Protein backbone atom coordinates (compact mmCIF):
# COMPACT_ATOMS: atom_id res chain seq x y z
CA UNK A 1 0.00 0.00 0.00
CA UNK A 2 1.17 3.45 -0.83
CA UNK A 3 0.07 6.68 0.88
CA UNK A 4 -0.33 9.81 -1.24
CA UNK A 5 -1.35 13.26 -0.01
CA UNK A 6 -4.40 14.77 -1.69
CA UNK A 7 -2.32 17.70 -2.99
CA UNK A 8 0.03 15.28 -4.76
CA UNK A 9 -3.02 13.49 -6.21
CA UNK A 10 -4.26 16.71 -7.80
CA UNK A 11 -0.92 17.17 -9.58
CA UNK A 12 -0.41 13.66 -10.92
CA UNK A 13 -3.73 11.79 -11.11
CA UNK A 14 -3.03 9.85 -14.34
CA UNK A 15 0.25 8.45 -13.01
CA UNK A 16 -1.30 7.52 -9.67
CA UNK A 17 -4.19 5.74 -11.39
CA UNK A 18 -1.66 3.80 -13.42
CA UNK A 19 0.13 2.79 -10.20
CA UNK A 20 -3.16 1.59 -8.68
CA UNK A 21 -3.20 -1.31 -11.16
CA UNK A 22 -0.33 -2.93 -9.26
CA UNK A 23 -0.90 -1.69 -5.71
CA UNK A 24 -3.51 -0.11 -3.44
CA UNK A 25 -3.21 3.65 -3.04
CA UNK A 26 -4.38 5.40 0.15
CA UNK A 27 -5.25 9.09 -0.28
CA UNK A 28 -4.48 11.15 2.82
CA UNK A 29 -5.34 14.68 3.91
CA UNK A 30 -3.16 16.18 6.62
CA UNK A 31 -1.82 12.69 7.32
CA UNK A 32 -5.23 11.08 7.82
CA UNK A 33 -6.59 8.52 5.32
CA UNK A 34 -9.69 9.69 3.45
CA UNK A 35 -9.97 7.35 0.45
CA UNK A 36 -8.56 4.21 -1.14
CA UNK A 37 -7.89 3.56 -4.83
CA UNK A 38 -7.84 -0.11 -5.78
CA UNK A 39 -7.10 -1.29 -9.30
CA UNK A 40 -9.40 -3.75 -11.02
CA UNK A 41 -7.64 -6.96 -11.87
CA UNK A 42 -7.93 -8.00 -15.50
CA UNK A 43 -6.80 -11.57 -14.79
CA UNK A 44 -9.45 -12.39 -12.20
CA UNK A 45 -10.49 -16.01 -12.51
CA UNK A 46 -14.13 -16.50 -13.43
CA UNK A 47 -16.20 -18.62 -11.06
CA UNK A 48 -17.34 -21.89 -12.51
CA UNK A 49 -20.89 -23.08 -11.88
CA UNK A 50 -20.90 -26.24 -9.77
CA UNK A 51 -17.29 -25.94 -8.63
CA UNK A 52 -18.27 -26.47 -4.95
CA UNK A 53 -20.32 -29.60 -5.67
CA UNK A 54 -19.70 -32.23 -3.03
CA UNK A 55 -18.10 -29.82 -0.57
CA UNK A 56 -21.29 -29.10 1.41
CA UNK A 57 -23.13 -31.85 3.23
CA UNK A 58 -26.51 -31.64 5.01
CA UNK A 59 -28.21 -34.23 7.09
CA UNK A 60 -31.55 -35.55 5.86
CA UNK A 61 -33.40 -34.03 8.84
CA UNK A 62 -31.88 -30.53 8.66
CA UNK A 63 -35.31 -28.89 8.38
CA UNK A 64 -37.16 -30.76 11.14
CA UNK A 65 -38.27 -28.61 14.04
CA UNK A 66 -36.58 -28.92 17.39
CA UNK A 67 -38.61 -29.80 20.47
CA UNK A 68 -37.33 -26.69 22.25
CA UNK A 69 -38.94 -24.39 19.66
CA UNK A 70 -42.40 -26.04 19.46
CA UNK A 71 -43.87 -23.26 21.65
CA UNK A 72 -42.76 -20.59 19.16
CA UNK A 73 -44.29 -22.26 16.12
PDB file of N, CA and C in Angstrom:
ATOM      1  N   UNK A   1       0.832  -1.174   0.000  1.00  0.00           N
ATOM      2  CA  UNK A   1       0.000   0.000   0.000  1.00  0.00           C
ATOM      3  C   UNK A   1       0.880   1.241   0.000  1.00  0.00           C
ATOM      4  N   UNK A   2       0.425   2.216  -0.698  1.00  0.00           N
ATOM      5  CA  UNK A   2       1.175   3.450  -0.826  1.00  0.00           C
ATOM      6  C   UNK A   2       0.288   4.610  -0.399  1.00  0.00           C
ATOM      7  N   UNK A   3       0.810   5.495   0.438  1.00  0.00           N
ATOM      8  CA  UNK A   3       0.067   6.680   0.878  1.00  0.00           C
ATOM      9  C   UNK A   3       0.457   7.877   0.027  1.00  0.00           C
ATOM     10  N   UNK A   4      -0.560   8.616  -0.424  1.00  0.00           N
ATOM     11  CA  UNK A   4      -0.327   9.807  -1.237  1.00  0.00           C
ATOM     12  C   UNK A   4      -1.200  10.929  -0.695  1.00  0.00           C
ATOM     13  N   UNK A   5      -0.599  12.102  -0.483  1.00  0.00           N
ATOM     14  CA  UNK A   5      -1.348  13.258  -0.006  1.00  0.00           C
ATOM     15  C   UNK A   5      -2.267  13.754  -1.111  1.00  0.00           C
ATOM     16  N   UNK A   6      -3.401  14.303  -0.724  1.00  0.00           N
ATOM     17  CA  UNK A   6      -4.402  14.767  -1.690  1.00  0.00           C
ATOM     18  C   UNK A   6      -3.846  15.845  -2.620  1.00  0.00           C
ATOM     19  N   UNK A   7      -2.920  16.671  -2.132  1.00  0.00           N
ATOM     20  CA  UNK A   7      -2.322  17.699  -2.988  1.00  0.00           C
ATOM     21  C   UNK A   7      -1.468  17.073  -4.085  1.00  0.00           C
ATOM     22  N   UNK A   8      -0.769  15.992  -3.759  1.00  0.00           N
ATOM     23  CA  UNK A   8       0.028  15.281  -4.763  1.00  0.00           C
ATOM     24  C   UNK A   8      -0.894  14.599  -5.777  1.00  0.00           C
ATOM     25  N   UNK A   9      -2.048  14.128  -5.318  1.00  0.00           N
ATOM     26  CA  UNK A   9      -3.018  13.490  -6.206  1.00  0.00           C
ATOM     27  C   UNK A   9      -3.511  14.465  -7.266  1.00  0.00           C
ATOM     28  N   UNK A  10      -3.772  15.695  -6.860  1.00  0.00           N
ATOM     29  CA  UNK A  10      -4.256  16.708  -7.799  1.00  0.00           C
ATOM     30  C   UNK A  10      -3.250  16.973  -8.912  1.00  0.00           C
ATOM     31  N   UNK A  11      -1.962  16.859  -8.599  1.00  0.00           N
ATOM     32  CA  UNK A  11      -0.920  17.169  -9.576  1.00  0.00           C
ATOM     33  C   UNK A  11      -0.641  16.021 -10.538  1.00  0.00           C
ATOM     34  N   UNK A  12      -0.828  14.783 -10.077  1.00  0.00           N
ATOM     35  CA  UNK A  12      -0.411  13.658 -10.920  1.00  0.00           C
ATOM     36  C   UNK A  12      -1.420  12.511 -10.917  1.00  0.00           C
ATOM     37  N   UNK A  13      -2.686  12.814 -11.122  1.00  0.00           N
ATOM     38  CA  UNK A  13      -3.735  11.791 -11.105  1.00  0.00           C
ATOM     39  C   UNK A  13      -3.519  10.668 -12.128  1.00  0.00           C
ATOM     40  N   UNK A  14      -3.197  10.957 -13.382  1.00  0.00           N
ATOM     41  CA  UNK A  14      -3.032   9.853 -14.340  1.00  0.00           C
ATOM     42  C   UNK A  14      -1.943   8.848 -13.931  1.00  0.00           C
ATOM     43  N   UNK A  15      -0.832   9.350 -13.423  1.00  0.00           N
ATOM     44  CA  UNK A  15       0.249   8.449 -13.006  1.00  0.00           C
ATOM     45  C   UNK A  15      -0.164   7.610 -11.789  1.00  0.00           C
ATOM     46  N   UNK A  16      -0.879   8.229 -10.869  1.00  0.00           N
ATOM     47  CA  UNK A  16      -1.304   7.519  -9.668  1.00  0.00           C
ATOM     48  C   UNK A  16      -2.336   6.449 -10.021  1.00  0.00           C
ATOM     49  N   UNK A  17      -3.232   6.755 -10.943  1.00  0.00           N
ATOM     50  CA  UNK A  17      -4.191   5.742 -11.386  1.00  0.00           C
ATOM     51  C   UNK A  17      -3.478   4.577 -12.054  1.00  0.00           C
ATOM     52  N   UNK A  18      -2.453   4.856 -12.784  1.00  0.00           N
ATOM     53  CA  UNK A  18      -1.659   3.799 -13.421  1.00  0.00           C
ATOM     54  C   UNK A  18      -0.991   2.926 -12.360  1.00  0.00           C
ATOM     55  N   UNK A  19      -0.495   3.540 -11.290  1.00  0.00           N
ATOM     56  CA  UNK A  19       0.135   2.787 -10.197  1.00  0.00           C
ATOM     57  C   UNK A  19      -0.880   1.906  -9.469  1.00  0.00           C
ATOM     58  N   UNK A  20      -2.150   2.339  -9.432  1.00  0.00           N
ATOM     59  CA  UNK A  20      -3.161   1.587  -8.681  1.00  0.00           C
ATOM     60  C   UNK A  20      -3.461   0.224  -9.310  1.00  0.00           C
ATOM     61  N   UNK A  21      -3.020   0.000 -10.531  1.00  0.00           N
ATOM     62  CA  UNK A  21      -3.201  -1.313 -11.155  1.00  0.00           C
ATOM     63  C   UNK A  21      -2.403  -2.360 -10.391  1.00  0.00           C
ATOM     64  N   UNK A  22      -1.212  -1.978  -9.930  1.00  0.00           N
ATOM     65  CA  UNK A  22      -0.330  -2.926  -9.259  1.00  0.00           C
ATOM     66  C   UNK A  22      -0.417  -2.895  -7.738  1.00  0.00           C
ATOM     67  N   UNK A  23      -0.857  -1.785  -7.164  1.00  0.00           N
ATOM     68  CA  UNK A  23      -0.905  -1.689  -5.707  1.00  0.00           C
ATOM     69  C   UNK A  23      -2.041  -0.779  -5.270  1.00  0.00           C
ATOM     70  N   UNK A  24      -2.455  -0.938  -4.016  1.00  0.00           N
ATOM     71  CA  UNK A  24      -3.509  -0.111  -3.439  1.00  0.00           C
ATOM     72  C   UNK A  24      -2.933   1.240  -3.040  1.00  0.00           C
ATOM     73  N   UNK A  25      -3.645   2.300  -3.355  1.00  0.00           N
ATOM     74  CA  UNK A  25      -3.209   3.654  -3.045  1.00  0.00           C
ATOM     75  C   UNK A  25      -4.161   4.230  -1.990  1.00  0.00           C
ATOM     76  N   UNK A  26      -3.600   4.740  -0.888  1.00  0.00           N
ATOM     77  CA  UNK A  26      -4.383   5.402   0.146  1.00  0.00           C
ATOM     78  C   UNK A  26      -4.193   6.905  -0.012  1.00  0.00           C
ATOM     79  N   UNK A  27      -5.294   7.630  -0.153  1.00  0.00           N
ATOM     80  CA  UNK A  27      -5.250   9.086  -0.280  1.00  0.00           C
ATOM     81  C   UNK A  27      -5.382   9.668   1.134  1.00  0.00           C
ATOM     82  N   UNK A  28      -4.460  10.554   1.494  1.00  0.00           N
ATOM     83  CA  UNK A  28      -4.482  11.154   2.822  1.00  0.00           C
ATOM     84  C   UNK A  28      -4.662  12.667   2.723  1.00  0.00           C
ATOM     85  N   UNK A  29      -5.208  13.231   3.788  1.00  0.00           N
ATOM     86  CA  UNK A  29      -5.343  14.682   3.907  1.00  0.00           C
ATOM     87  C   UNK A  29      -4.863  15.039   5.304  1.00  0.00           C
ATOM     88  N   UNK A  30      -3.807  15.818   5.366  1.00  0.00           N
ATOM     89  CA  UNK A  30      -3.162  16.181   6.622  1.00  0.00           C
ATOM     90  C   UNK A  30      -2.766  14.941   7.416  1.00  0.00           C
ATOM     91  N   UNK A  31      -2.313  13.916   6.695  1.00  0.00           N
ATOM     92  CA  UNK A  31      -1.821  12.693   7.324  1.00  0.00           C
ATOM     93  C   UNK A  31      -2.884  11.671   7.679  1.00  0.00           C
ATOM     94  N   UNK A  32      -4.146  12.000   7.492  1.00  0.00           N
ATOM     95  CA  UNK A  32      -5.231  11.078   7.819  1.00  0.00           C
ATOM     96  C   UNK A  32      -5.809  10.473   6.542  1.00  0.00           C
ATOM     97  N   UNK A  33      -6.028   9.155   6.518  1.00  0.00           N
ATOM     98  CA  UNK A  33      -6.585   8.519   5.316  1.00  0.00           C
ATOM     99  C   UNK A  33      -8.020   8.955   5.066  1.00  0.00           C
ATOM    100  N   UNK A  34      -8.321   9.272   3.797  1.00  0.00           N
ATOM    101  CA  UNK A  34      -9.690   9.686   3.445  1.00  0.00           C
ATOM    102  C   UNK A  34     -10.289   8.842   2.322  1.00  0.00           C
ATOM    103  N   UNK A  35      -9.445   8.156   1.560  1.00  0.00           N
ATOM    104  CA  UNK A  35      -9.967   7.349   0.453  1.00  0.00           C
ATOM    105  C   UNK A  35      -8.945   6.276   0.077  1.00  0.00           C
ATOM    106  N   UNK A  36      -9.433   5.288  -0.668  1.00  0.00           N
ATOM    107  CA  UNK A  36      -8.565   4.210  -1.140  1.00  0.00           C
ATOM    108  C   UNK A  36      -8.837   3.990  -2.621  1.00  0.00           C
ATOM    109  N   UNK A  37      -7.766   3.877  -3.401  1.00  0.00           N
ATOM    110  CA  UNK A  37      -7.892   3.562  -4.829  1.00  0.00           C
ATOM    111  C   UNK A  37      -7.358   2.150  -5.023  1.00  0.00           C
ATOM    112  N   UNK A  38      -8.215   1.284  -5.567  1.00  0.00           N
ATOM    113  CA  UNK A  38      -7.839  -0.109  -5.784  1.00  0.00           C
ATOM    114  C   UNK A  38      -8.035  -0.418  -7.258  1.00  0.00           C
ATOM    115  N   UNK A  39      -7.007  -0.946  -7.894  1.00  0.00           N
ATOM    116  CA  UNK A  39      -7.102  -1.289  -9.304  1.00  0.00           C
ATOM    117  C   UNK A  39      -7.975  -2.512  -9.519  1.00  0.00           C
ATOM    118  N   UNK A  40      -8.576  -2.592 -10.670  1.00  0.00           N
ATOM    119  CA  UNK A  40      -9.399  -3.750 -11.025  1.00  0.00           C
ATOM    120  C   UNK A  40      -8.521  -4.737 -11.777  1.00  0.00           C
ATOM    121  N   UNK A  41      -8.482  -5.942 -11.274  1.00  0.00           N
ATOM    122  CA  UNK A  41      -7.638  -6.964 -11.873  1.00  0.00           C
ATOM    123  C   UNK A  41      -8.254  -7.461 -13.177  1.00  0.00           C
ATOM    124  N   UNK A  42      -7.456  -7.499 -14.212  1.00  0.00           N
ATOM    125  CA  UNK A  42      -7.930  -7.998 -15.500  1.00  0.00           C
ATOM    126  C   UNK A  42      -7.865  -9.521 -15.565  1.00  0.00           C
ATOM    127  N   UNK A  43      -7.025 -10.128 -14.730  1.00  0.00           N
ATOM    128  CA  UNK A  43      -6.805 -11.571 -14.790  1.00  0.00           C
ATOM    129  C   UNK A  43      -7.587 -12.321 -13.726  1.00  0.00           C
ATOM    130  N   UNK A  44      -8.671 -11.745 -13.244  1.00  0.00           N
ATOM    131  CA  UNK A  44      -9.454 -12.388 -12.202  1.00  0.00           C
ATOM    132  C   UNK A  44     -10.113 -13.644 -12.769  1.00  0.00           C
ATOM    133  N   UNK A  45      -9.946 -14.734 -12.054  1.00  0.00           N
ATOM    134  CA  UNK A  45     -10.487 -16.013 -12.508  1.00  0.00           C
ATOM    135  C   UNK A  45     -12.003 -16.012 -12.389  1.00  0.00           C
ATOM    136  N   UNK A  46     -12.684 -16.416 -13.434  1.00  0.00           N
ATOM    137  CA  UNK A  46     -14.128 -16.502 -13.431  1.00  0.00           C
ATOM    138  C   UNK A  46     -14.567 -17.692 -12.578  1.00  0.00           C
ATOM    139  N   UNK A  47     -15.648 -17.516 -11.835  1.00  0.00           N
ATOM    140  CA  UNK A  47     -16.197 -18.623 -11.064  1.00  0.00           C
ATOM    141  C   UNK A  47     -16.880 -19.605 -12.003  1.00  0.00           C
ATOM    142  N   UNK A  48     -16.745 -20.858 -11.675  1.00  0.00           N
ATOM    143  CA  UNK A  48     -17.337 -21.891 -12.513  1.00  0.00           C
ATOM    144  C   UNK A  48     -18.541 -22.486 -11.803  1.00  0.00           C
ATOM    145  N   UNK A  49     -19.679 -22.538 -12.461  1.00  0.00           N
ATOM    146  CA  UNK A  49     -20.894 -23.081 -11.876  1.00  0.00           C
ATOM    147  C   UNK A  49     -20.670 -24.536 -11.477  1.00  0.00           C
ATOM    148  N   UNK A  50     -21.020 -24.865 -10.247  1.00  0.00           N
ATOM    149  CA  UNK A  50     -20.903 -26.237  -9.768  1.00  0.00           C
ATOM    150  C   UNK A  50     -19.533 -26.595  -9.216  1.00  0.00           C
ATOM    151  N   UNK A  51     -18.645 -25.618  -9.073  1.00  0.00           N
ATOM    152  CA  UNK A  51     -17.286 -25.935  -8.628  1.00  0.00           C
ATOM    153  C   UNK A  51     -17.227 -26.369  -7.157  1.00  0.00           C
ATOM    154  N   UNK A  52     -18.250 -26.077  -6.354  1.00  0.00           N
ATOM    155  CA  UNK A  52     -18.271 -26.472  -4.948  1.00  0.00           C
ATOM    156  C   UNK A  52     -19.098 -27.742  -4.723  1.00  0.00           C
ATOM    157  N   UNK A  53     -19.495 -28.398  -5.795  1.00  0.00           N
ATOM    158  CA  UNK A  53     -20.317 -29.596  -5.672  1.00  0.00           C
ATOM    159  C   UNK A  53     -19.584 -30.652  -4.859  1.00  0.00           C
ATOM    160  N   UNK A  54     -20.286 -31.200  -3.870  1.00  0.00           N
ATOM    161  CA  UNK A  54     -19.705 -32.235  -3.030  1.00  0.00           C
ATOM    162  C   UNK A  54     -18.968 -31.697  -1.811  1.00  0.00           C
ATOM    163  N   UNK A  55     -18.806 -30.390  -1.706  1.00  0.00           N
ATOM    164  CA  UNK A  55     -18.097 -29.819  -0.566  1.00  0.00           C
ATOM    165  C   UNK A  55     -19.022 -29.519   0.609  1.00  0.00           C
ATOM    166  N   UNK A  56     -20.325 -29.415   0.361  1.00  0.00           N
ATOM    167  CA  UNK A  56     -21.289 -29.097   1.409  1.00  0.00           C
ATOM    168  C   UNK A  56     -22.188 -30.307   1.629  1.00  0.00           C
ATOM    169  N   UNK A  57     -22.295 -30.694   2.901  1.00  0.00           N
ATOM    170  CA  UNK A  57     -23.126 -31.852   3.230  1.00  0.00           C
ATOM    171  C   UNK A  57     -24.166 -31.444   4.262  1.00  0.00           C
ATOM    172  N   UNK A  58     -25.423 -31.902   4.065  1.00  0.00           N
ATOM    173  CA  UNK A  58     -26.512 -31.642   5.006  1.00  0.00           C
ATOM    174  C   UNK A  58     -27.134 -32.964   5.403  1.00  0.00           C
ATOM    175  N   UNK A  59     -27.535 -33.022   6.654  1.00  0.00           N
ATOM    176  CA  UNK A  59     -28.214 -34.231   7.093  1.00  0.00           C
ATOM    177  C   UNK A  59     -29.628 -34.244   6.515  1.00  0.00           C
ATOM    178  N   UNK A  60     -30.217 -35.421   6.449  1.00  0.00           N
ATOM    179  CA  UNK A  60     -31.550 -35.549   5.862  1.00  0.00           C
ATOM    180  C   UNK A  60     -32.614 -34.814   6.676  1.00  0.00           C
ATOM    181  N   UNK A  61     -32.395 -34.653   7.988  1.00  0.00           N
ATOM    182  CA  UNK A  61     -33.400 -34.027   8.841  1.00  0.00           C
ATOM    183  C   UNK A  61     -33.046 -32.581   9.200  1.00  0.00           C
ATOM    184  N   UNK A  62     -32.325 -31.885   8.344  1.00  0.00           N
ATOM    185  CA  UNK A  62     -31.882 -30.526   8.663  1.00  0.00           C
ATOM    186  C   UNK A  62     -33.045 -29.563   8.862  1.00  0.00           C
ATOM    187  N   UNK A  63     -34.198 -29.821   8.275  1.00  0.00           N
ATOM    188  CA  UNK A  63     -35.314 -28.888   8.379  1.00  0.00           C
ATOM    189  C   UNK A  63     -36.404 -29.330   9.354  1.00  0.00           C
ATOM    190  N   UNK A  64     -36.165 -30.362  10.138  1.00  0.00           N
ATOM    191  CA  UNK A  64     -37.159 -30.761  11.135  1.00  0.00           C
ATOM    192  C   UNK A  64     -37.081 -29.812  12.321  1.00  0.00           C
ATOM    193  N   UNK A  65     -38.242 -29.550  12.924  1.00  0.00           N
ATOM    194  CA  UNK A  65     -38.266 -28.605  14.036  1.00  0.00           C
ATOM    195  C   UNK A  65     -37.722 -29.262  15.308  1.00  0.00           C
ATOM    196  N   UNK A  66     -37.117 -28.448  16.134  1.00  0.00           N
ATOM    197  CA  UNK A  66     -36.581 -28.922  17.395  1.00  0.00           C
ATOM    198  C   UNK A  66     -37.661 -28.850  18.462  1.00  0.00           C
ATOM    199  N   UNK A  67     -37.620 -29.762  19.386  1.00  0.00           N
ATOM    200  CA  UNK A  67     -38.612 -29.795  20.470  1.00  0.00           C
ATOM    201  C   UNK A  67     -38.591 -28.492  21.277  1.00  0.00           C
ATOM    202  N   UNK A  68     -37.447 -27.899  21.452  1.00  0.00           N
ATOM    203  CA  UNK A  68     -37.332 -26.685  22.247  1.00  0.00           C
ATOM    204  C   UNK A  68     -38.084 -25.507  21.638  1.00  0.00           C
ATOM    205  N   UNK A  69     -38.309 -25.515  20.337  1.00  0.00           N
ATOM    206  CA  UNK A  69     -38.940 -24.393  19.657  1.00  0.00           C
ATOM    207  C   UNK A  69     -40.418 -24.635  19.322  1.00  0.00           C
ATOM    208  N   UNK A  70     -40.991 -25.736  19.767  1.00  0.00           N
ATOM    209  CA  UNK A  70     -42.401 -26.039  19.464  1.00  0.00           C
ATOM    210  C   UNK A  70     -43.330 -24.916  19.943  1.00  0.00           C
ATOM    211  N   UNK A  71     -43.008 -24.308  21.092  1.00  0.00           N
ATOM    212  CA  UNK A  71     -43.870 -23.262  21.647  1.00  0.00           C
ATOM    213  C   UNK A  71     -43.881 -22.009  20.775  1.00  0.00           C
ATOM    214  N   UNK A  72     -42.840 -21.779  19.996  1.00  0.00           N
ATOM    215  CA  UNK A  72     -42.759 -20.595  19.156  1.00  0.00           C
ATOM    216  C   UNK A  72     -43.406 -20.781  17.781  1.00  0.00           C
ATOM    217  N   UNK A  73     -43.768 -21.969  17.464  1.00  0.00           N
ATOM    218  CA  UNK A  73     -44.287 -22.260  16.124  1.00  0.00           C
ATOM    219  C   UNK A  73     -45.788 -22.330  16.106  1.00  0.00           C
TER     220      UNK A  73
END
